[in-house]
C-alpha atoms as a PDB file:
ATOM      1  CA  MET A   1       0.000   0.000   0.000  1.00  0.00           C
ATOM      2  CA  PRO A   2       1.679   3.278  -1.056  1.00  0.00           C
ATOM      3  CA  THR A   3       1.946   6.185   1.344  1.00  0.00           C
ATOM      4  CA  TRP A   4       0.803   9.543  -0.038  1.00  0.00           C
ATOM      5  CA  ARG A   5       1.609  13.073   1.069  1.00  0.00           C
ATOM      6  CA  MET A   6       0.490  16.394  -0.354  1.00  0.00           C
ATOM      7  CA  PRO A   7       3.546  18.590  -0.946  1.00  0.00           C
ATOM      8  CA  ALA A   8       3.704  22.268  -0.112  1.00  0.00           C
ATOM      9  CA  GLU A   9       2.370  24.476  -2.893  1.00  0.00           C
ATOM     10  CA  GLY A  10       5.859  25.895  -3.386  1.00  0.00           C
ATOM     11  CA  ALA A  11       7.270  22.515  -4.452  1.00  0.00           C
ATOM     12  CA  SER A  12       8.184  22.218  -8.133  1.00  0.00           C
ATOM     13  CA  HIS A  13       5.177  22.071 -10.471  1.00  0.00           C
ATOM     14  CA  ASP A  14       4.645  20.266 -13.759  1.00  0.00           C
ATOM     15  CA  ARG A  15       1.713  22.538 -14.600  1.00  0.00           C
ATOM     16  CA  THR A  16      -1.407  24.271 -13.359  1.00  0.00           C
ATOM     17  CA  TRP A  17      -4.931  23.159 -14.260  1.00  0.00           C
ATOM     18  CA  MET A  18      -7.891  25.492 -14.727  1.00  0.00           C
ATOM     19  CA  ALA A  19     -11.445  25.372 -16.099  1.00  0.00           C
ATOM     20  CA  PHE A  20     -12.982  27.963 -18.418  1.00  0.00           C
ATOM     21  CA  PRO A  21     -16.259  29.649 -17.429  1.00  0.00           C
ATOM     22  CA  SER A  22     -19.303  28.049 -18.998  1.00  0.00           C
ATOM     23  CA  GLU A  23     -22.982  28.866 -18.996  1.00  0.00           C
ATOM     24  CA  GLY A  24     -24.158  29.465 -15.453  1.00  0.00           C
ATOM     25  CA  TYR A  25     -23.369  31.396 -12.314  1.00  0.00           C
ATOM     26  CA  SER A  26     -19.703  32.185 -12.988  1.00  0.00           C
ATOM     27  CA  LEU A  27     -20.154  33.214 -16.607  1.00  0.00           C
ATOM     28  CA  GLY A  28     -23.048  35.543 -15.806  1.00  0.00           C
ATOM     29  CA  GLU A  29     -26.161  36.515 -17.714  1.00  0.00           C
ATOM     30  CA  THR A  30     -25.121  39.434 -19.927  1.00  0.00           C
ATOM     31  CA  ALA A  31     -22.594  39.896 -22.713  1.00  0.00           C
ATOM     32  CA  ASP A  32     -20.592  42.254 -20.490  1.00  0.00           C
ATOM     33  CA  ALA A  33     -20.548  39.687 -17.686  1.00  0.00           C
ATOM     34  CA  HIS A  34     -19.426  36.981 -20.111  1.00  0.00           C
ATOM     35  CA  HIS A  35     -16.550  39.153 -21.297  1.00  0.00           C
ATOM     36  CA  GLU A  36     -15.544  40.045 -17.760  1.00  0.00           C
ATOM     37  CA  ALA A  37     -15.481  36.414 -16.611  1.00  0.00           C
ATOM     38  CA  ARG A  38     -13.631  35.105 -19.659  1.00  0.00           C
ATOM     39  CA  SER A  39     -11.123  37.962 -19.564  1.00  0.00           C
ATOM     40  CA  THR A  40     -10.360  37.437 -15.871  1.00  0.00           C
ATOM     41  CA  TRP A  41      -9.932  33.662 -16.090  1.00  0.00           C
ATOM     42  CA  ALA A  42      -7.714  34.189 -19.146  1.00  0.00           C
ATOM     43  CA  ALA A  43      -5.654  36.849 -17.364  1.00  0.00           C
ATOM     44  CA  VAL A  44      -4.899  34.390 -14.566  1.00  0.00           C
ATOM     45  CA  ALA A  45      -3.979  31.660 -17.063  1.00  0.00           C
ATOM     46  CA  HIS A  46      -1.613  33.963 -18.940  1.00  0.00           C
ATOM     47  CA  ALA A  47      -0.020  35.201 -15.702  1.00  0.00           C
ATOM     48  CA  ILE A  48       0.725  31.586 -14.728  1.00  0.00           C
ATOM     49  CA  LEU A  49       2.112  30.896 -18.209  1.00  0.00           C
ATOM     50  CA  GLU A  50       5.003  33.218 -17.416  1.00  0.00           C
ATOM     51  CA  PHE A  51       6.183  30.533 -14.982  1.00  0.00           C
ATOM     52  CA  GLU A  52       4.813  27.126 -15.974  1.00  0.00           C
ATOM     53  CA  PRO A  53       2.493  25.311 -18.419  1.00  0.00           C
ATOM     54  CA  VAL A  54      -1.268  25.696 -18.082  1.00  0.00           C
ATOM     55  CA  THR A  55      -4.003  23.267 -19.106  1.00  0.00           C
ATOM     56  CA  VAL A  56      -7.583  24.565 -19.245  1.00  0.00           C
ATOM     57  CA  VAL A  57     -10.653  22.313 -19.326  1.00  0.00           C
ATOM     58  CA  VAL A  58     -13.230  23.881 -21.657  1.00  0.00           C
ATOM     59  CA  ASP A  59     -16.865  22.903 -22.045  1.00  0.00           C
ATOM     60  CA  PRO A  60     -17.516  21.992 -25.722  1.00  0.00           C
ATOM     61  CA  ARG A  61     -20.125  24.786 -25.868  1.00  0.00           C
ATOM     62  CA  GLU A  62     -17.386  27.299 -25.026  1.00  0.00           C
ATOM     63  CA  ARG A  63     -14.666  26.155 -27.425  1.00  0.00           C
ATOM     64  CA  THR A  64     -15.112  29.130 -29.769  1.00  0.00           C
ATOM     65  CA  ALA A  65     -15.085  31.675 -26.947  1.00  0.00           C
ATOM     66  CA  ALA A  66     -12.088  30.026 -25.304  1.00  0.00           C
ATOM     67  CA  ALA A  67     -10.129  30.239 -28.557  1.00  0.00           C
ATOM     68  CA  ARG A  68     -10.716  34.004 -28.593  1.00  0.00           C
ATOM     69  CA  TYR A  69      -9.526  34.572 -25.019  1.00  0.00           C
ATOM     70  CA  LEU A  70      -6.781  31.976 -24.501  1.00  0.00           C
ATOM     71  CA  SER A  71      -3.437  32.106 -26.284  1.00  0.00           C
ATOM     72  CA  ARG A  72      -2.127  29.134 -28.238  1.00  0.00           C
ATOM     73  CA  GLU A  73       0.392  28.492 -25.480  1.00  0.00           C
ATOM     74  CA  VAL A  74      -2.469  27.308 -23.251  1.00  0.00           C
ATOM     75  CA  THR A  75      -3.265  23.594 -23.593  1.00  0.00           C
ATOM     76  CA  VAL A  76      -7.015  23.108 -23.981  1.00  0.00           C
ATOM     77  CA  VAL A  77      -8.936  19.901 -23.306  1.00  0.00           C
ATOM     78  CA  GLU A  78     -12.697  19.596 -23.670  1.00  0.00           C
ATOM     79  CA  ALA A  79     -15.143  18.170 -21.141  1.00  0.00           C
ATOM     80  CA  PRO A  80     -18.667  19.109 -20.000  1.00  0.00           C
ATOM     81  CA  LEU A  81     -18.641  21.569 -17.085  1.00  0.00           C
ATOM     82  CA  ASN A  82     -21.120  23.104 -14.661  1.00  0.00           C
ATOM     83  CA  ASP A  83     -18.742  25.731 -13.324  1.00  0.00           C
ATOM     84  CA  ALA A  84     -15.110  26.826 -13.337  1.00  0.00           C
ATOM     85  CA  TRP A  85     -13.611  26.385  -9.838  1.00  0.00           C
ATOM     86  CA  MET A  86     -10.825  23.906 -10.591  1.00  0.00           C
ATOM     87  CA  ARG A  87      -9.422  23.979  -7.041  1.00  0.00           C
ATOM     88  CA  ASP A  88     -12.653  22.341  -5.893  1.00  0.00           C
ATOM     89  CA  ILE A  89     -13.789  20.200  -8.800  1.00  0.00           C
ATOM     90  CA  GLY A  90     -10.321  18.946  -9.710  1.00  0.00           C
ATOM     91  CA  PRO A  91      -8.233  16.385  -7.829  1.00  0.00           C
ATOM     92  CA  THR A  92      -5.732  17.171  -5.090  1.00  0.00           C
ATOM     93  CA  PHE A  93      -2.279  16.082  -6.205  1.00  0.00           C
ATOM     94  CA  VAL A  94       0.060  14.200  -3.877  1.00  0.00           C
ATOM     95  CA  HIS A  95       3.417  12.438  -3.909  1.00  0.00           C
ATOM     96  CA  GLY A  96       3.871   8.749  -3.266  1.00  0.00           C
ATOM     97  CA  ASP A  97       6.705   7.423  -1.120  1.00  0.00           C
ATOM     98  CA  ASP A  98       8.419   6.436  -4.377  1.00  0.00           C
ATOM     99  CA  GLY A  99       8.170   9.982  -5.745  1.00  0.00           C
ATOM    100  CA  ARG A 100       5.373   9.384  -8.228  1.00  0.00           C
ATOM    101  CA  VAL A 101       2.355  11.669  -8.433  1.00  0.00           C
ATOM    102  CA  GLY A 102      -1.097  10.655  -7.259  1.00  0.00           C
ATOM    103  CA  ALA A 103      -4.404  12.493  -7.565  1.00  0.00           C
ATOM    104  CA  VAL A 104      -6.977  12.355  -4.766  1.00  0.00           C
ATOM    105  CA  ASP A 105     -10.449  12.301  -6.300  1.00  0.00           C
ATOM    106  CA  TRP A 106     -12.758  13.649  -3.604  1.00  0.00           C
ATOM    107  CA  VAL A 107     -16.525  13.454  -3.885  1.00  0.00           C
ATOM    108  CA  PHE A 108     -17.783  16.827  -5.129  1.00  0.00           C
ATOM    109  CA  ASN A 109     -21.406  17.743  -4.372  1.00  0.00           C
ATOM    110  CA  GLY A 110     -21.712  21.456  -5.034  1.00  0.00           C
ATOM    111  CA  TRP A 111     -20.190  22.745  -1.763  1.00  0.00           C
ATOM    112  CA  GLY A 112     -22.572  20.789   0.426  1.00  0.00           C
ATOM    113  CA  ALA A 113     -25.455  20.264  -2.018  1.00  0.00           C
ATOM    114  CA  GLN A 114     -26.350  23.942  -2.129  1.00  0.00           C
ATOM    115  CA  ASP A 115     -29.666  24.614  -3.812  1.00  0.00           C
ATOM    116  CA  TRP A 116     -28.182  27.006  -6.381  1.00  0.00           C
ATOM    117  CA  ALA A 117     -25.369  24.667  -7.430  1.00  0.00           C
ATOM    118  CA  ARG A 118     -25.265  22.057 -10.194  1.00  0.00           C
ATOM    119  CA  TRP A 119     -22.534  19.425 -10.131  1.00  0.00           C
ATOM    120  CA  ASP A 120     -23.466  16.451 -12.309  1.00  0.00           C
ATOM    121  CA  ARG A 121     -20.665  17.361 -14.771  1.00  0.00           C
ATOM    122  CA  ASP A 122     -18.179  18.852 -12.334  1.00  0.00           C
ATOM    123  CA  ALA A 123     -18.291  15.702 -10.183  1.00  0.00           C
ATOM    124  CA  ARG A 124     -16.493  13.869 -13.012  1.00  0.00           C
ATOM    125  CA  ILE A 125     -13.655  16.379 -13.463  1.00  0.00           C
ATOM    126  CA  GLY A 126     -11.468  15.024 -10.663  1.00  0.00           C
ATOM    127  CA  ALA A 127     -11.202  11.616 -12.296  1.00  0.00           C
ATOM    128  CA  LEU A 128     -10.739  13.146 -15.748  1.00  0.00           C
ATOM    129  CA  VAL A 129      -7.884  15.419 -14.680  1.00  0.00           C
ATOM    130  CA  ALA A 130      -6.262  12.544 -12.804  1.00  0.00           C
ATOM    131  CA  GLU A 131      -6.353  10.454 -15.971  1.00  0.00           C
ATOM    132  CA  LEU A 132      -5.109  13.234 -18.265  1.00  0.00           C
ATOM    133  CA  SER A 133      -2.299  14.135 -15.879  1.00  0.00           C
ATOM    134  CA  GLY A 134      -0.977  10.578 -15.797  1.00  0.00           C
ATOM    135  CA  ALA A 135      -1.233  10.521 -12.003  1.00  0.00           C
ATOM    136  CA  GLN A 136      -2.519   7.515 -10.091  1.00  0.00           C
ATOM    137  CA  ARG A 137      -6.121   8.176  -9.092  1.00  0.00           C
ATOM    138  CA  ILE A 138      -6.759   7.830  -5.360  1.00  0.00           C
ATOM    139  CA  PRO A 139     -10.510   7.626  -4.794  1.00  0.00           C
ATOM    140  CA  SER A 140     -12.043   9.019  -1.616  1.00  0.00           C
ATOM    141  CA  ASP A 141     -15.583   8.642  -0.286  1.00  0.00           C
ATOM    142  CA  MET A 142     -15.281  11.910   1.620  1.00  0.00           C
ATOM    143  CA  VAL A 143     -16.872  15.048   0.207  1.00  0.00           C
ATOM    144  CA  GLY A 144     -14.208  17.684  -0.007  1.00  0.00           C
ATOM    145  CA  GLU A 145     -12.666  20.427  -2.088  1.00  0.00           C
ATOM    146  CA  GLY A 146      -9.124  21.654  -2.592  1.00  0.00           C
ATOM    147  CA  GLY A 147     -10.082  25.069  -1.248  1.00  0.00           C
ATOM    148  CA  GLY A 148     -10.959  23.460   2.052  1.00  0.00           C
ATOM    149  CA  ILE A 149      -7.392  22.394   2.899  1.00  0.00           C
ATOM    150  CA  GLN A 150      -4.003  24.072   3.232  1.00  0.00           C
ATOM    151  CA  VAL A 151      -0.818  22.107   3.932  1.00  0.00           C
ATOM    152  CA  ASP A 152       2.859  22.635   4.677  1.00  0.00           C
ATOM    153  CA  GLY A 153       4.079  19.458   2.968  1.00  0.00           C
ATOM    154  CA  GLN A 154       5.323  18.124   6.292  1.00  0.00           C
ATOM    155  CA  GLY A 155       2.122  16.643   7.678  1.00  0.00           C
ATOM    156  CA  THR A 156       0.205  19.753   8.758  1.00  0.00           C
ATOM    157  CA  VAL A 157      -3.246  20.497   7.333  1.00  0.00           C
ATOM    158  CA  LEU A 158      -5.544  23.455   8.022  1.00  0.00           C
ATOM    159  CA  VAL A 159      -9.291  22.755   7.901  1.00  0.00           C
ATOM    160  CA  THR A 160     -12.551  24.338   9.031  1.00  0.00           C
ATOM    161  CA  GLU A 161     -15.348  22.735  11.016  1.00  0.00           C
ATOM    162  CA  THR A 162     -18.002  24.290   8.771  1.00  0.00           C
ATOM    163  CA  VAL A 163     -16.607  22.546   5.677  1.00  0.00           C
ATOM    164  CA  GLN A 164     -15.234  19.158   6.684  1.00  0.00           C
ATOM    165  CA  LEU A 165     -17.995  18.563   9.272  1.00  0.00           C
ATOM    166  CA  ASP A 166     -20.745  20.138   7.175  1.00  0.00           C
ATOM    167  CA  PRO A 167     -23.869  17.918   7.336  1.00  0.00           C
ATOM    168  CA  GLY A 168     -24.439  18.747   3.680  1.00  0.00           C
ATOM    169  CA  ARG A 169     -21.066  17.250   2.871  1.00  0.00           C
ATOM    170  CA  ASN A 170     -20.179  14.561   5.370  1.00  0.00           C
ATOM    171  CA  PRO A 171     -23.140  13.789   7.649  1.00  0.00           C
ATOM    172  CA  GLY A 172     -22.129  11.657  10.587  1.00  0.00           C
ATOM    173  CA  MET A 173     -18.378  12.121  10.149  1.00  0.00           C
ATOM    174  CA  THR A 174     -16.415  13.200  13.216  1.00  0.00           C
ATOM    175  CA  ARG A 175     -13.108  15.002  13.492  1.00  0.00           C
ATOM    176  CA  VAL A 176     -11.462  11.635  14.011  1.00  0.00           C
ATOM    177  CA  ASP A 177     -13.037  10.282  10.816  1.00  0.00           C
ATOM    178  CA  VAL A 178     -11.983  13.323   8.780  1.00  0.00           C
ATOM    179  CA  GLU A 179      -8.447  13.264  10.135  1.00  0.00           C
ATOM    180  CA  ALA A 180      -8.115   9.557   9.344  1.00  0.00           C
ATOM    181  CA  GLU A 181      -9.150  10.120   5.736  1.00  0.00           C
ATOM    182  CA  LEU A 182      -6.835  13.114   5.380  1.00  0.00           C
ATOM    183  CA  ALA A 183      -4.007  10.971   6.754  1.00  0.00           C
ATOM    184  CA  ARG A 184      -4.751   8.226   4.222  1.00  0.00           C
ATOM    185  CA  THR A 185      -5.097  10.497   1.211  1.00  0.00           C
ATOM    186  CA  ILE A 186      -2.787  13.489   1.721  1.00  0.00           C
ATOM    187  CA  GLY A 187      -0.512  12.274   4.518  1.00  0.00           C
ATOM    188  CA  ALA A 188      -1.776  14.763   7.083  1.00  0.00           C
ATOM    189  CA  THR A 189      -0.616  13.746  10.548  1.00  0.00           C
ATOM    190  CA  HIS A 190      -1.638  16.936  12.344  1.00  0.00           C
ATOM    191  CA  ALA A 191      -4.829  18.927  11.711  1.00  0.00           C
ATOM    192  CA  VAL A 192      -5.405  22.491  12.870  1.00  0.00           C
ATOM    193  CA  TRP A 193      -9.133  23.147  13.013  1.00  0.00           C
ATOM    194  CA  LEU A 194     -10.589  26.614  12.492  1.00  0.00           C
ATOM    195  CA  PRO A 195     -14.205  27.114  13.580  1.00  0.00           C
ATOM    196  CA  TYR A 196     -15.310  28.753  10.319  1.00  0.00           C
ATOM    197  CA  GLY A 197     -14.137  30.817   7.349  1.00  0.00           C
ATOM    198  CA  LEU A 198     -14.894  34.422   6.395  1.00  0.00           C
ATOM    199  CA  ALA A 199     -18.355  35.932   6.816  1.00  0.00           C
ATOM    200  CA  ARG A 200     -19.277  36.431   3.141  1.00  0.00           C
ATOM    201  CA  ASP A 201     -18.119  32.907   2.358  1.00  0.00           C
ATOM    202  CA  SER A 202     -20.609  31.666   4.954  1.00  0.00           C
ATOM    203  CA  GLU A 203     -23.579  33.266   3.178  1.00  0.00           C
ATOM    204  CA  ALA A 204     -25.886  31.773   0.540  1.00  0.00           C
ATOM    205  CA  TYR A 205     -23.443  31.700  -2.365  1.00  0.00           C
ATOM    206  CA  GLY A 206     -20.319  30.855  -0.385  1.00  0.00           C
ATOM    207  CA  THR A 207     -18.472  27.607   0.259  1.00  0.00           C
ATOM    208  CA  ARG A 208     -19.431  27.607   3.970  1.00  0.00           C
ATOM    209  CA  GLY A 209     -15.896  28.385   5.044  1.00  0.00           C
ATOM    210  CA  HIS A 210     -12.965  27.496   2.782  1.00  0.00           C
ATOM    211  CA  VAL A 211      -9.640  27.951   4.514  1.00  0.00           C
ATOM    212  CA  ASP A 212      -7.766  29.174   1.432  1.00  0.00           C
ATOM    213  CA  ILE A 213      -9.039  32.728   1.843  1.00  0.00           C
ATOM    214  CA  VAL A 214      -8.224  32.704   5.571  1.00  0.00           C
ATOM    215  CA  ALA A 215      -4.708  31.321   6.012  1.00  0.00           C
ATOM    216  CA  ALA A 216      -1.784  29.960   4.011  1.00  0.00           C
ATOM    217  CA  ILE A 217       1.415  28.271   5.211  1.00  0.00           C
ATOM    218  CA  ALA A 218       4.188  30.116   3.391  1.00  0.00           C
ATOM    219  CA  SER A 219       6.942  27.884   4.783  1.00  0.00           C
ATOM    220  CA  PRO A 220       7.225  25.459   7.704  1.00  0.00           C
ATOM    221  CA  GLY A 221       5.992  27.235  10.816  1.00  0.00           C
ATOM    222  CA  VAL A 222       5.176  30.479   8.980  1.00  0.00           C
ATOM    223  CA  MET A 223       1.510  31.388   8.669  1.00  0.00           C
ATOM    224  CA  LEU A 224       0.030  34.115   6.462  1.00  0.00           C
ATOM    225  CA  LEU A 225      -3.240  35.191   8.068  1.00  0.00           C
ATOM    226  CA  HIS A 226      -6.081  37.330   6.755  1.00  0.00           C
ATOM    227  CA  ASP A 227      -6.303  40.382   8.998  1.00  0.00           C
ATOM    228  CA  GLN A 228      -9.473  42.457   8.825  1.00  0.00           C
ATOM    229  CA  ARG A 229      -8.537  45.539  10.824  1.00  0.00           C
ATOM    230  CA  ASP A 230     -11.773  47.492  10.510  1.00  0.00           C
ATOM    231  CA  PRO A 231     -14.158  46.818  13.433  1.00  0.00           C
ATOM    232  CA  ALA A 232     -17.102  47.656  11.144  1.00  0.00           C
ATOM    233  CA  HIS A 233     -16.511  44.457   9.165  1.00  0.00           C
ATOM    234  CA  PRO A 234     -17.750  41.130  10.619  1.00  0.00           C
ATOM    235  CA  ASP A 235     -14.416  39.513   9.747  1.00  0.00           C
ATOM    236  CA  HIS A 236     -12.689  41.729  12.323  1.00  0.00           C
ATOM    237  CA  ILE A 237     -13.969  39.437  15.078  1.00  0.00           C
ATOM    238  CA  ARG A 238     -13.238  36.351  13.000  1.00  0.00           C
ATOM    239  CA  SER A 239      -9.640  37.459  12.432  1.00  0.00           C
ATOM    240  CA  LYS A 240      -9.179  37.571  16.207  1.00  0.00           C
ATOM    241  CA  ALA A 241     -10.635  34.072  16.517  1.00  0.00           C
ATOM    242  CA  PHE A 242      -8.280  32.710  13.831  1.00  0.00           C
ATOM    243  CA  ARG A 243      -5.290  34.319  15.542  1.00  0.00           C
ATOM    244  CA  LYS A 244      -6.192  32.649  18.840  1.00  0.00           C
ATOM    245  CA  VAL A 245      -6.373  29.226  17.159  1.00  0.00           C
ATOM    246  CA  PHE A 246      -2.848  29.661  15.833  1.00  0.00           C
ATOM    247  CA  ALA A 247      -1.575  31.073  19.130  1.00  0.00           C
ATOM    248  CA  ASP A 248      -2.871  27.926  20.825  1.00  0.00           C
ATOM    249  CA  SER A 249      -1.583  25.414  18.256  1.00  0.00           C
ATOM    250  CA  THR A 250       1.595  24.241  16.542  1.00  0.00           C
ATOM    251  CA  ASP A 251       2.491  22.598  13.258  1.00  0.00           C
ATOM    252  CA  ALA A 252       3.117  18.858  12.862  1.00  0.00           C
ATOM    253  CA  ALA A 253       6.717  19.263  14.022  1.00  0.00           C
ATOM    254  CA  GLY A 254       5.636  21.031  17.210  1.00  0.00           C
ATOM    255  CA  ARG A 255       6.781  24.465  16.081  1.00  0.00           C
ATOM    256  CA  PRO A 256       4.763  27.447  17.318  1.00  0.00           C
ATOM    257  CA  TRP A 257       3.358  29.491  14.465  1.00  0.00           C
ATOM    258  CA  GLN A 258       5.071  32.647  13.305  1.00  0.00           C
ATOM    259  CA  VAL A 259       1.944  34.506  12.203  1.00  0.00           C
ATOM    260  CA  ILE A 260       2.292  37.208   9.547  1.00  0.00           C
ATOM    261  CA  ASP A 261      -0.808  39.367   9.387  1.00  0.00           C
ATOM    262  CA  VAL A 262      -1.820  40.246   5.833  1.00  0.00           C
ATOM    263  CA  PRO A 263      -4.134  43.261   5.930  1.00  0.00           C
ATOM    264  CA  ALA A 264      -7.477  42.860   4.242  1.00  0.00           C
ATOM    265  CA  PRO A 265      -8.270  45.400   1.539  1.00  0.00           C
ATOM    266  CA  THR A 266      -9.736  48.625   2.901  1.00  0.00           C
ATOM    267  CA  THR A 267     -12.791  48.070   0.695  1.00  0.00           C
ATOM    268  CA  LEU A 268     -15.510  46.784   3.006  1.00  0.00           C
ATOM    269  CA  THR A 269     -18.604  46.312   0.851  1.00  0.00           C
ATOM    270  CA  ASP A 270     -19.916  45.803  -2.639  1.00  0.00           C
ATOM    271  CA  SER A 271     -23.482  45.822  -3.956  1.00  0.00           C
ATOM    272  CA  GLU A 272     -24.222  42.552  -2.101  1.00  0.00           C
ATOM    273  CA  GLY A 273     -22.858  43.517   1.330  1.00  0.00           C
ATOM    274  CA  PHE A 274     -19.595  42.930   3.179  1.00  0.00           C
ATOM    275  CA  VAL A 275     -16.894  41.535   0.886  1.00  0.00           C
ATOM    276  CA  ASP A 276     -14.497  38.677   1.594  1.00  0.00           C
ATOM    277  CA  TYR A 277     -11.664  40.154  -0.498  1.00  0.00           C
ATOM    278  CA  SER A 278      -8.470  38.420   0.615  1.00  0.00           C
ATOM    279  CA  TYR A 279      -4.830  38.475  -0.454  1.00  0.00           C
ATOM    280  CA  ILE A 280      -4.432  35.031   1.115  1.00  0.00           C
ATOM    281  CA  ASN A 281      -6.098  33.496  -1.955  1.00  0.00           C
ATOM    282  CA  HIS A 282      -2.906  33.499  -4.056  1.00  0.00           C
ATOM    283  CA  LEU A 283      -1.246  30.743  -6.076  1.00  0.00           C
ATOM    284  CA  VAL A 284       2.409  29.811  -5.631  1.00  0.00           C
ATOM    285  CA  VAL A 285       3.959  28.750  -8.954  1.00  0.00           C
ATOM    286  CA  ASN A 286       7.478  27.915 -10.165  1.00  0.00           C
ATOM    287  CA  ASP A 287       9.574  30.987  -9.265  1.00  0.00           C
ATOM    288  CA  GLY A 288       6.489  33.128  -8.790  1.00  0.00           C
ATOM    289  CA  VAL A 289       3.312  34.011  -6.943  1.00  0.00           C
ATOM    290  CA  ILE A 290       0.057  34.933  -8.701  1.00  0.00           C
ATOM    291  CA  ALA A 291      -1.670  37.312  -6.297  1.00  0.00           C
ATOM    292  CA  CYS A 292      -5.027  39.054  -6.082  1.00  0.00           C
ATOM    293  CA  SER A 293      -5.374  42.795  -6.426  1.00  0.00           C
ATOM    294  CA  PHE A 294      -8.532  44.798  -5.812  1.00  0.00           C
ATOM    295  CA  GLY A 295      -7.786  48.347  -6.947  1.00  0.00           C
ATOM    296  CA  ASP A 296      -7.233  48.986  -3.238  1.00  0.00           C
ATOM    297  CA  GLU A 297      -4.720  51.035  -1.284  1.00  0.00           C
ATOM    298  CA  ASN A 298      -3.504  47.860   0.454  1.00  0.00           C
ATOM    299  CA  ASP A 299      -2.649  46.063  -2.811  1.00  0.00           C
ATOM    300  CA  ALA A 300       0.990  47.170  -2.828  1.00  0.00           C
ATOM    301  CA  ALA A 301       1.569  46.400   0.852  1.00  0.00           C
ATOM    302  CA  ALA A 302       0.077  42.922   0.487  1.00  0.00           C
ATOM    303  CA  ALA A 303       2.180  42.182  -2.593  1.00  0.00           C
ATOM    304  CA  ASP A 304       5.277  43.231  -0.650  1.00  0.00           C
ATOM    305  CA  ILE A 305       4.362  40.895   2.226  1.00  0.00           C
ATOM    306  CA  LEU A 306       3.980  38.012  -0.228  1.00  0.00           C
ATOM    307  CA  ARG A 307       7.312  38.928  -1.849  1.00  0.00           C
ATOM    308  CA  GLN A 308       9.042  38.685   1.528  1.00  0.00           C
ATOM    309  CA  ALA A 309       7.189  35.506   2.530  1.00  0.00           C
ATOM    310  CA  TYR A 310       8.232  33.754  -0.695  1.00  0.00           C
ATOM    311  CA  PRO A 311      11.818  34.936  -1.245  1.00  0.00           C
ATOM    312  CA  GLY A 312      13.182  34.496  -4.766  1.00  0.00           C
ATOM    313  CA  ARG A 313       9.722  34.454  -6.355  1.00  0.00           C
ATOM    314  CA  ARG A 314       8.307  37.198  -8.547  1.00  0.00           C
ATOM    315  CA  VAL A 315       4.848  38.420  -7.520  1.00  0.00           C
ATOM    316  CA  VAL A 316       2.392  39.063 -10.361  1.00  0.00           C
ATOM    317  CA  THR A 317      -1.004  40.521  -9.535  1.00  0.00           C
ATOM    318  CA  VAL A 318      -4.337  40.137 -11.325  1.00  0.00           C
ATOM    319  CA  ASP A 319      -7.481  42.139 -10.552  1.00  0.00           C
ATOM    320  CA  ALA A 320      -9.552  39.551  -8.688  1.00  0.00           C
ATOM    321  CA  ARG A 321     -12.706  41.580  -8.105  1.00  0.00           C
ATOM    322  CA  PRO A 322     -14.619  39.774 -10.888  1.00  0.00           C
ATOM    323  CA  LEU A 323     -13.641  36.440  -9.297  1.00  0.00           C
ATOM    324  CA  PHE A 324     -14.710  37.388  -5.788  1.00  0.00           C
ATOM    325  CA  GLU A 325     -17.956  38.794  -7.165  1.00  0.00           C
ATOM    326  CA  ARG A 326     -18.610  35.276  -8.451  1.00  0.00           C
ATOM    327  CA  GLY A 327     -17.576  33.551  -5.232  1.00  0.00           C
ATOM    328  CA  GLY A 328     -13.822  32.962  -5.157  1.00  0.00           C
ATOM    329  CA  GLY A 329     -10.321  34.061  -6.065  1.00  0.00           C
ATOM    330  CA  ILE A 330      -7.163  33.089  -7.926  1.00  0.00           C
ATOM    331  CA  HIS A 331      -6.411  30.056  -5.760  1.00  0.00           C
ATOM    332  CA  CYS A 332     -10.007  28.883  -6.212  1.00  0.00           C
ATOM    333  CA  ILE A 333      -9.826  28.725 -10.022  1.00  0.00           C
ATOM    334  CA  THR A 334      -6.478  26.923 -10.193  1.00  0.00           C
ATOM    335  CA  GLN A 335      -5.096  23.516  -9.200  1.00  0.00           C
ATOM    336  CA  HIS A 336      -1.364  22.911  -9.227  1.00  0.00           C
ATOM    337  CA  GLN A 337       0.174  19.597 -10.287  1.00  0.00           C
ATOM    338  CA  PRO A 338       3.530  18.904  -8.619  1.00  0.00           C
ATOM    339  CA  ALA A 339       6.424  17.405 -10.527  1.00  0.00           C
ATOM    340  CA  PRO A 340       7.412  13.842  -9.609  1.00  0.00           C
ATOM    341  CA  LEU A 341      10.117  13.522  -6.977  1.00  0.00           C
ATOM    342  CA  ARG A 342      13.352  12.092  -8.278  1.00  0.00           C
ATOM    343  CA  ALA A 343      15.948  10.284  -6.221  1.00  0.00           C
END
């Protein structure tokens, strides 16, 4: 029986996988919304291309549009899609003890069978990407998404109670059950549990609390934490709760966390209410970091923090407001595939 472990995101990548927006919530209802969504997904793909190959899954109905927005350097494969959040519908890649790459195929059920979601097509994408990548598929009976976990590559995993223990996802599962499955599939030996995610992400069109807009482990023992400093925003209280969890916990090696606060954008609301804009939702790529910007006065400071947290990597920013308007960010629409380990 092979042993699997999910490497840190900063480990060497073979490529990044994405999905192209198709008819539905993420694409929007108007021609302007379609253009905005396609342009933003394409901008992220082309930013990643500066560092590593990109493969985009495109619904057959969108092949013509995708050809207009994606350069020829992007590898395109066709498959039916409901949505375009590859971090969640795709597999989670891991390394075997022999260095080969595996792909954990979680059960995907529309972020806890939400009444607005459709997932009959997206539920097949994990297995498809595993097959196309050449990785060994590792099936799991647990409902989960890549946005619901963050790891350090050394056995630590960050999770939230509102996702992993969501009755709409895994009714009847306990912390012990979840931790056992995470140990089997991604080699997590030490789980740090947060009580919830950000406030907007807990509302009707959210994921119910993905951790990848809350915290990211930049390097062993070093935690980047979303810091909402304005008391008028509901995430101000949540930021304090997250900080206490990390003050009271360690990583798998027993190291206390060095917490680096990453200020939230100063923008507090949009037309729907309080935003969950977060610089934490970035993607680490080969020699680079693809980071969110929001046309906000904190954009430059956040990019500088990421530059210092990931020394030797070039930070490229993409305006992520159209992504967050649709329910996620740069990390949410991407899934990195690590390179095999070689002796």
